[in-house]
Amino acid sequence: MVYVLKDEKGKLYKGSTNNLNRRLIEHRNGKTKTTAKMKNISVAYTEEFDNLENARKRELYFKTAAGRRFLKNKIGPVV
């Protein structure tokens, strides 16, 4: 699964996991350096994949300019 988190300021975090609930708890508890300072994290977007390899490819796409445009159209503007 690929997921996109959004904080109260509109900042996005893109990641992939096989267990979104566990991963979200880790993010909210500051276990991930990148999201440790993000406040009020919520799941903004998800996509399911058959395997982690395809999910990682999609995650990398979301981190490109084209992927950011795609997400902007799906979840709205990013601050």
PDB file of N, CA and C in Angstrom:
ATOM      1  N   MET A   1       0.844  -1.172   0.000  1.00  0.00           N
ATOM      2  CA  MET A   1       0.000   0.000   0.000  1.00  0.00           C
ATOM      3  C   MET A   1       0.892   1.239   0.000  1.00  0.00           C
ATOM      4  N   VAL A   2       0.466   2.226  -0.767  1.00  0.00           N
ATOM      5  CA  VAL A   2       1.102   3.539  -0.757  1.00  0.00           C
ATOM      6  C   VAL A   2       0.145   4.474  -0.029  1.00  0.00           C
ATOM      7  N   TYR A   3       0.702   5.348   0.787  1.00  0.00           N
ATOM      8  CA  TYR A   3      -0.147   6.275   1.528  1.00  0.00           C
ATOM      9  C   TYR A   3       0.463   7.665   1.506  1.00  0.00           C
ATOM     10  N   VAL A   4      -0.410   8.653   1.663  1.00  0.00           N
ATOM     11  CA  VAL A   4       0.024  10.042   1.760  1.00  0.00           C
ATOM     12  C   VAL A   4      -0.583  10.604   3.032  1.00  0.00           C
ATOM     13  N   LEU A   5       0.269  11.153   3.883  1.00  0.00           N
ATOM     14  CA  LEU A   5      -0.184  11.789   5.117  1.00  0.00           C
ATOM     15  C   LEU A   5      -0.169  13.301   4.923  1.00  0.00           C
ATOM     16  N   LYS A   6      -1.077  13.976   5.603  1.00  0.00           N
ATOM     17  CA  LYS A   6      -1.154  15.430   5.539  1.00  0.00           C
ATOM     18  C   LYS A   6      -1.246  15.949   6.968  1.00  0.00           C
ATOM     19  N   ASP A   7      -0.489  17.012   7.268  1.00  0.00           N
ATOM     20  CA  ASP A   7      -0.568  17.585   8.613  1.00  0.00           C
ATOM     21  C   ASP A   7      -1.443  18.833   8.600  1.00  0.00           C
ATOM     22  N   GLU A   8      -1.572  19.460   9.752  1.00  0.00           N
ATOM     23  CA  GLU A   8      -2.465  20.615   9.893  1.00  0.00           C
ATOM     24  C   GLU A   8      -2.033  21.807   9.048  1.00  0.00           C
ATOM     25  N   LYS A   9      -0.760  21.863   8.673  1.00  0.00           N
ATOM     26  CA  LYS A   9      -0.271  22.955   7.834  1.00  0.00           C
ATOM     27  C   LYS A   9      -0.368  22.631   6.349  1.00  0.00           C
ATOM     28  N   GLY A  10      -0.763  21.398   6.025  1.00  0.00           N
ATOM     29  CA  GLY A  10      -0.897  20.995   4.639  1.00  0.00           C
ATOM     30  C   GLY A  10       0.321  20.293   4.073  1.00  0.00           C
ATOM     31  N   LYS A  11       1.338  20.056   4.893  1.00  0.00           N
ATOM     32  CA  LYS A  11       2.542  19.374   4.438  1.00  0.00           C
ATOM     33  C   LYS A  11       2.236  17.892   4.212  1.00  0.00           C
ATOM     34  N   LEU A  12       2.809  17.321   3.145  1.00  0.00           N
ATOM     35  CA  LEU A  12       2.556  15.928   2.799  1.00  0.00           C
ATOM     36  C   LEU A  12       3.760  15.050   3.101  1.00  0.00           C
ATOM     37  N   TYR A  13       3.483  13.802   3.436  1.00  0.00           N
ATOM     38  CA  TYR A  13       4.490  12.764   3.582  1.00  0.00           C
ATOM     39  C   TYR A  13       4.001  11.574   2.778  1.00  0.00           C
ATOM     40  N   LYS A  14       4.860  11.028   1.920  1.00  0.00           N
ATOM     41  CA  LYS A  14       4.506   9.879   1.095  1.00  0.00           C
ATOM     42  C   LYS A  14       5.288   8.672   1.567  1.00  0.00           C
ATOM     43  N   GLY A  15       4.614   7.525   1.674  1.00  0.00           N
ATOM     44  CA  GLY A  15       5.281   6.318   2.115  1.00  0.00           C
ATOM     45  C   GLY A  15       4.568   5.076   1.630  1.00  0.00           C
ATOM     46  N   SER A  16       5.159   3.917   1.923  1.00  0.00           N
ATOM     47  CA  SER A  16       4.538   2.641   1.574  1.00  0.00           C
ATOM     48  C   SER A  16       4.687   1.695   2.757  1.00  0.00           C
ATOM     49  N   THR A  17       3.725   0.796   2.889  1.00  0.00           N
ATOM     50  CA  THR A  17       3.712  -0.131   4.016  1.00  0.00           C
ATOM     51  C   THR A  17       2.812  -1.317   3.702  1.00  0.00           C
ATOM     52  N   ASN A  18       2.910  -2.352   4.507  1.00  0.00           N
ATOM     53  CA  ASN A  18       1.975  -3.470   4.404  1.00  0.00           C
ATOM     54  C   ASN A  18       0.966  -3.438   5.552  1.00  0.00           C
ATOM     55  N   ASN A  19       1.092  -2.446   6.450  1.00  0.00           N
ATOM     56  CA  ASN A  19       0.177  -2.318   7.585  1.00  0.00           C
ATOM     57  C   ASN A  19       0.010  -0.830   7.912  1.00  0.00           C
ATOM     58  N   LEU A  20      -1.007  -0.215   7.344  1.00  0.00           N
ATOM     59  CA  LEU A  20      -1.192   1.235   7.495  1.00  0.00           C
ATOM     60  C   LEU A  20      -1.478   1.637   8.938  1.00  0.00           C
ATOM     61  N   ASN A  21      -2.273   0.870   9.659  1.00  0.00           N
ATOM     62  CA  ASN A  21      -2.591   1.236  11.046  1.00  0.00           C
ATOM     63  C   ASN A  21      -1.336   1.291  11.910  1.00  0.00           C
ATOM     64  N   ARG A  22      -0.497   0.252  11.798  1.00  0.00           N
ATOM     65  CA  ARG A  22       0.752   0.226  12.562  1.00  0.00           C
ATOM     66  C   ARG A  22       1.644   1.398  12.179  1.00  0.00           C
ATOM     67  N   ARG A  23       1.752   1.649  10.879  1.00  0.00           N
ATOM     68  CA  ARG A  23       2.633   2.715  10.394  1.00  0.00           C
ATOM     69  C   ARG A  23       2.142   4.087  10.848  1.00  0.00           C
ATOM     70  N   LEU A  24       0.840   4.299  10.831  1.00  0.00           N
ATOM     71  CA  LEU A  24       0.276   5.572  11.272  1.00  0.00           C
ATOM     72  C   LEU A  24       0.565   5.809  12.758  1.00  0.00           C
ATOM     73  N   ILE A  25       0.463   4.768  13.554  1.00  0.00           N
ATOM     74  CA  ILE A  25       0.795   4.878  14.982  1.00  0.00           C
ATOM     75  C   ILE A  25       2.262   5.252  15.154  1.00  0.00           C
ATOM     76  N   GLU A  26       3.144   4.627  14.360  1.00  0.00           N
ATOM     77  CA  GLU A  26       4.565   4.961  14.425  1.00  0.00           C
ATOM     78  C   GLU A  26       4.807   6.429  14.076  1.00  0.00           C
ATOM     79  N   HIS A  27       4.129   6.901  13.037  1.00  0.00           N
ATOM     80  CA  HIS A  27       4.275   8.311  12.652  1.00  0.00           C
ATOM     81  C   HIS A  27       3.799   9.229  13.776  1.00  0.00           C
ATOM     82  N   ARG A  28       2.657   8.938  14.330  1.00  0.00           N
ATOM     83  CA  ARG A  28       2.087   9.800  15.375  1.00  0.00           C
ATOM     84  C   ARG A  28       2.897   9.767  16.663  1.00  0.00           C
ATOM     85  N   ASN A  29       3.640   8.690  16.894  1.00  0.00           N
ATOM     86  CA  ASN A  29       4.468   8.575  18.100  1.00  0.00           C
ATOM     87  C   ASN A  29       5.896   9.060  17.887  1.00  0.00           C
ATOM     88  N   GLY A  30       6.153   9.684  16.738  1.00  0.00           N
ATOM     89  CA  GLY A  30       7.463  10.262  16.490  1.00  0.00           C
ATOM     90  C   GLY A  30       8.548   9.266  16.131  1.00  0.00           C
ATOM     91  N   LYS A  31       8.188   8.064  15.703  1.00  0.00           N
ATOM     92  CA  LYS A  31       9.174   7.035  15.355  1.00  0.00           C
ATOM     93  C   LYS A  31       9.840   7.305  14.010  1.00  0.00           C
ATOM     94  N   THR A  32       9.251   8.187  13.211  1.00  0.00           N
ATOM     95  CA  THR A  32       9.812   8.540  11.908  1.00  0.00           C
ATOM     96  C   THR A  32      10.314   9.972  11.982  1.00  0.00           C
ATOM     97  N   LYS A  33      11.593  10.150  11.715  1.00  0.00           N
ATOM     98  CA  LYS A  33      12.236  11.459  11.849  1.00  0.00           C
ATOM     99  C   LYS A  33      11.526  12.533  11.016  1.00  0.00           C
ATOM    100  N   THR A  34      11.151  12.187   9.795  1.00  0.00           N
ATOM    101  CA  THR A  34      10.535  13.161   8.884  1.00  0.00           C
ATOM    102  C   THR A  34       9.190  13.668   9.394  1.00  0.00           C
ATOM    103  N   THR A  35       8.422  12.815  10.039  1.00  0.00           N
ATOM    104  CA  THR A  35       7.085  13.218  10.481  1.00  0.00           C
ATOM    105  C   THR A  35       7.020  13.557  11.967  1.00  0.00           C
ATOM    106  N   ALA A  36       8.119  13.469  12.669  1.00  0.00           N
ATOM    107  CA  ALA A  36       8.117  13.696  14.119  1.00  0.00           C
ATOM    108  C   ALA A  36       7.593  15.077  14.492  1.00  0.00           C
ATOM    109  N   LYS A  37       7.867  16.083  13.667  1.00  0.00           N
ATOM    110  CA  LYS A  37       7.434  17.450  13.984  1.00  0.00           C
ATOM    111  C   LYS A  37       6.101  17.821  13.351  1.00  0.00           C
ATOM    112  N   MET A  38       5.528  16.915  12.567  1.00  0.00           N
ATOM    113  CA  MET A  38       4.231  17.186  11.945  1.00  0.00           C
ATOM    114  C   MET A  38       3.132  17.017  12.995  1.00  0.00           C
ATOM    115  N   LYS A  39       2.200  17.946  13.029  1.00  0.00           N
ATOM    116  CA  LYS A  39       1.116  17.921  14.010  1.00  0.00           C
ATOM    117  C   LYS A  39      -0.193  17.506  13.341  1.00  0.00           C
ATOM    118  N   ASN A  40      -1.004  16.756  14.075  1.00  0.00           N
ATOM    119  CA  ASN A  40      -2.330  16.326  13.611  1.00  0.00           C
ATOM    120  C   ASN A  40      -2.264  15.652  12.243  1.00  0.00           C
ATOM    121  N   ILE A  41      -1.486  14.598  12.152  1.00  0.00           N
ATOM    122  CA  ILE A  41      -1.323  13.849  10.906  1.00  0.00           C
ATOM    123  C   ILE A  41      -2.602  13.064  10.608  1.00  0.00           C
ATOM    124  N   SER A  42      -3.010  13.106   9.346  1.00  0.00           N
ATOM    125  CA  SER A  42      -4.143  12.290   8.911  1.00  0.00           C
ATOM    126  C   SER A  42      -3.826  11.687   7.551  1.00  0.00           C
ATOM    127  N   VAL A  43      -4.487  10.591   7.231  1.00  0.00           N
ATOM    128  CA  VAL A  43      -4.294   9.929   5.948  1.00  0.00           C
ATOM    129  C   VAL A  43      -5.096  10.701   4.905  1.00  0.00           C
ATOM    130  N   ALA A  44      -4.393  11.196   3.882  1.00  0.00           N
ATOM    131  CA  ALA A  44      -5.037  11.987   2.837  1.00  0.00           C
ATOM    132  C   ALA A  44      -5.354  11.159   1.600  1.00  0.00           C
ATOM    133  N   TYR A  45      -4.570  10.094   1.356  1.00  0.00           N
ATOM    134  CA  TYR A  45      -4.757   9.316   0.137  1.00  0.00           C
ATOM    135  C   TYR A  45      -4.066   7.967   0.285  1.00  0.00           C
ATOM    136  N   THR A  46      -4.655   6.907  -0.279  1.00  0.00           N
ATOM    137  CA  THR A  46      -4.039   5.583  -0.284  1.00  0.00           C
ATOM    138  C   THR A  46      -4.289   4.895  -1.619  1.00  0.00           C
ATOM    139  N   GLU A  47      -3.412   3.973  -1.958  1.00  0.00           N
ATOM    140  CA  GLU A  47      -3.580   3.080  -3.096  1.00  0.00           C
ATOM    141  C   GLU A  47      -3.086   1.698  -2.680  1.00  0.00           C
ATOM    142  N   GLU A  48      -3.833   0.662  -3.051  1.00  0.00           N
ATOM    143  CA  GLU A  48      -3.466  -0.721  -2.736  1.00  0.00           C
ATOM    144  C   GLU A  48      -2.671  -1.331  -3.885  1.00  0.00           C
ATOM    145  N   PHE A  49      -1.703  -2.197  -3.549  1.00  0.00           N
ATOM    146  CA  PHE A  49      -0.898  -2.904  -4.534  1.00  0.00           C
ATOM    147  C   PHE A  49      -0.748  -4.358  -4.113  1.00  0.00           C
ATOM    148  N   ASP A  50      -0.491  -5.223  -5.101  1.00  0.00           N
ATOM    149  CA  ASP A  50      -0.321  -6.648  -4.827  1.00  0.00           C
ATOM    150  C   ASP A  50       0.979  -6.958  -4.105  1.00  0.00           C
ATOM    151  N   ASN A  51       1.987  -6.116  -4.323  1.00  0.00           N
ATOM    152  CA  ASN A  51       3.273  -6.375  -3.670  1.00  0.00           C
ATOM    153  C   ASN A  51       3.961  -5.059  -3.321  1.00  0.00           C
ATOM    154  N   LEU A  52       4.916  -5.150  -2.420  1.00  0.00           N
ATOM    155  CA  LEU A  52       5.610  -3.964  -1.915  1.00  0.00           C
ATOM    156  C   LEU A  52       6.480  -3.310  -2.993  1.00  0.00           C
ATOM    157  N   GLU A  53       6.991  -4.101  -3.921  1.00  0.00           N
ATOM    158  CA  GLU A  53       7.828  -3.554  -4.995  1.00  0.00           C
ATOM    159  C   GLU A  53       7.044  -2.548  -5.844  1.00  0.00           C
ATOM    160  N   ASN A  54       5.822  -2.907  -6.232  1.00  0.00           N
ATOM    161  CA  ASN A  54       4.995  -1.985  -7.021  1.00  0.00           C
ATOM    162  C   ASN A  54       4.576  -0.771  -6.200  1.00  0.00           C
ATOM    163  N   ALA A  55       4.339  -0.982  -4.922  1.00  0.00           N
ATOM    164  CA  ALA A  55       3.982   0.130  -4.046  1.00  0.00           C
ATOM    165  C   ALA A  55       5.146   1.112  -3.943  1.00  0.00           C
ATOM    166  N   ARG A  56       6.350   0.607  -3.826  1.00  0.00           N
ATOM    167  CA  ARG A  56       7.533   1.483  -3.731  1.00  0.00           C
ATOM    168  C   ARG A  56       7.733   2.283  -5.017  1.00  0.00           C
ATOM    169  N   LYS A  57       7.468   1.665  -6.160  1.00  0.00           N
ATOM    170  CA  LYS A  57       7.568   2.381  -7.434  1.00  0.00           C
ATOM    171  C   LYS A  57       6.569   3.534  -7.473  1.00  0.00           C
ATOM    172  N   ARG A  58       5.357   3.276  -6.996  1.00  0.00           N
ATOM    173  CA  ARG A  58       4.339   4.330  -6.981  1.00  0.00           C
ATOM    174  C   ARG A  58       4.718   5.428  -5.988  1.00  0.00           C
ATOM    175  N   GLU A  59       5.272   5.043  -4.848  1.00  0.00           N
ATOM    176  CA  GLU A  59       5.739   6.019  -3.864  1.00  0.00           C
ATOM    177  C   GLU A  59       6.793   6.938  -4.485  1.00  0.00           C
ATOM    178  N   LEU A  60       7.736   6.367  -5.208  1.00  0.00           N
ATOM    179  CA  LEU A  60       8.760   7.172  -5.870  1.00  0.00           C
ATOM    180  C   LEU A  60       8.140   8.111  -6.903  1.00  0.00           C
ATOM    181  N   TYR A  61       7.102   7.646  -7.607  1.00  0.00           N
ATOM    182  CA  TYR A  61       6.393   8.502  -8.556  1.00  0.00           C
ATOM    183  C   TYR A  61       5.782   9.704  -7.842  1.00  0.00           C
ATOM    184  N   PHE A  62       5.163   9.470  -6.686  1.00  0.00           N
ATOM    185  CA  PHE A  62       4.540  10.565  -5.931  1.00  0.00           C
ATOM    186  C   PHE A  62       5.562  11.622  -5.516  1.00  0.00           C
ATOM    187  N   LYS A  63       6.820  11.245  -5.453  1.00  0.00           N
ATOM    188  CA  LYS A  63       7.864  12.171  -5.041  1.00  0.00           C
ATOM    189  C   LYS A  63       8.451  12.955  -6.209  1.00  0.00           C
ATOM    190  N   THR A  64       7.948  12.709  -7.433  1.00  0.00           N
ATOM    191  CA  THR A  64       8.374  13.458  -8.616  1.00  0.00           C
ATOM    192  C   THR A  64       7.426  14.634  -8.837  1.00  0.00           C
ATOM    193  N   ALA A  65       7.799  15.528  -9.725  1.00  0.00           N
ATOM    194  CA  ALA A  65       6.941  16.680 -10.044  1.00  0.00           C
ATOM    195  C   ALA A  65       5.588  16.206 -10.586  1.00  0.00           C
ATOM    196  N   ALA A  66       5.598  15.211 -11.462  1.00  0.00           N
ATOM    197  CA  ALA A  66       4.348  14.684 -12.020  1.00  0.00           C
ATOM    198  C   ALA A  66       3.489  14.063 -10.922  1.00  0.00           C
ATOM    199  N   GLY A  67       4.125  13.339  -9.997  1.00  0.00           N
ATOM    200  CA  GLY A  67       3.396  12.736  -8.886  1.00  0.00           C
ATOM    201  C   GLY A  67       2.796  13.781  -7.957  1.00  0.00           C
ATOM    202  N   ARG A  68       3.524  14.849  -7.716  1.00  0.00           N
ATOM    203  CA  ARG A  68       2.995  15.932  -6.871  1.00  0.00           C
ATOM    204  C   ARG A  68       1.791  16.592  -7.535  1.00  0.00           C
ATOM    205  N   ARG A  69       1.849  16.755  -8.865  1.00  0.00           N
ATOM    206  CA  ARG A  69       0.698  17.311  -9.589  1.00  0.00           C
ATOM    207  C   ARG A  69      -0.509  16.373  -9.475  1.00  0.00           C
ATOM    208  N   PHE A  70      -0.272  15.073  -9.619  1.00  0.00           N
ATOM    209  CA  PHE A  70      -1.331  14.080  -9.477  1.00  0.00           C
ATOM    210  C   PHE A  70      -1.995  14.202  -8.112  1.00  0.00           C
ATOM    211  N   LEU A  71      -1.172  14.267  -7.058  1.00  0.00           N
ATOM    212  CA  LEU A  71      -1.710  14.364  -5.696  1.00  0.00           C
ATOM    213  C   LEU A  71      -2.440  15.684  -5.489  1.00  0.00           C
ATOM    214  N   LYS A  72      -1.946  16.751  -6.070  1.00  0.00           N
ATOM    215  CA  LYS A  72      -2.620  18.045  -5.948  1.00  0.00           C
ATOM    216  C   LYS A  72      -4.029  17.958  -6.514  1.00  0.00           C
ATOM    217  N   ASN A  73      -4.184  17.265  -7.639  1.00  0.00           N
ATOM    218  CA  ASN A  73      -5.508  17.092  -8.243  1.00  0.00           C
ATOM    219  C   ASN A  73      -6.400  16.192  -7.405  1.00  0.00           C
ATOM    220  N   LYS A  74      -5.811  15.212  -6.718  1.00  0.00           N
ATOM    221  CA  LYS A  74      -6.585  14.275  -5.895  1.00  0.00           C
ATOM    222  C   LYS A  74      -6.978  14.838  -4.535  1.00  0.00           C
ATOM    223  N   ILE A  75      -6.023  15.511  -3.857  1.00  0.00           N
ATOM    224  CA  ILE A  75      -6.295  15.933  -2.473  1.00  0.00           C
ATOM    225  C   ILE A  75      -6.253  17.429  -2.255  1.00  0.00           C
ATOM    226  N   GLY A  76      -5.990  18.186  -3.292  1.00  0.00           N
ATOM    227  CA  GLY A  76      -5.988  19.636  -3.147  1.00  0.00           C
ATOM    228  C   GLY A  76      -4.587  20.212  -3.025  1.00  0.00           C
ATOM    229  N   PRO A  77      -4.504  21.532  -3.007  1.00  0.00           N
ATOM    230  CA  PRO A  77      -3.198  22.201  -2.963  1.00  0.00           C
ATOM    231  C   PRO A  77      -2.411  21.893  -1.700  1.00  0.00           C
ATOM    232  N   VAL A  78      -1.116  21.930  -1.852  1.00  0.00           N
ATOM    233  CA  VAL A  78      -0.195  21.682  -0.736  1.00  0.00           C
ATOM    234  C   VAL A  78       0.454  22.997  -0.364  1.00  0.00           C
ATOM    235  N   VAL A  79       0.605  23.220   0.923  1.00  0.00           N
ATOM    236  CA  VAL A  79       1.218  24.460   1.398  1.00  0.00           C
ATOM    237  C   VAL A  79       2.704  24.377   1.234  1.00  0.00           C
TER     238      VAL A  79
END
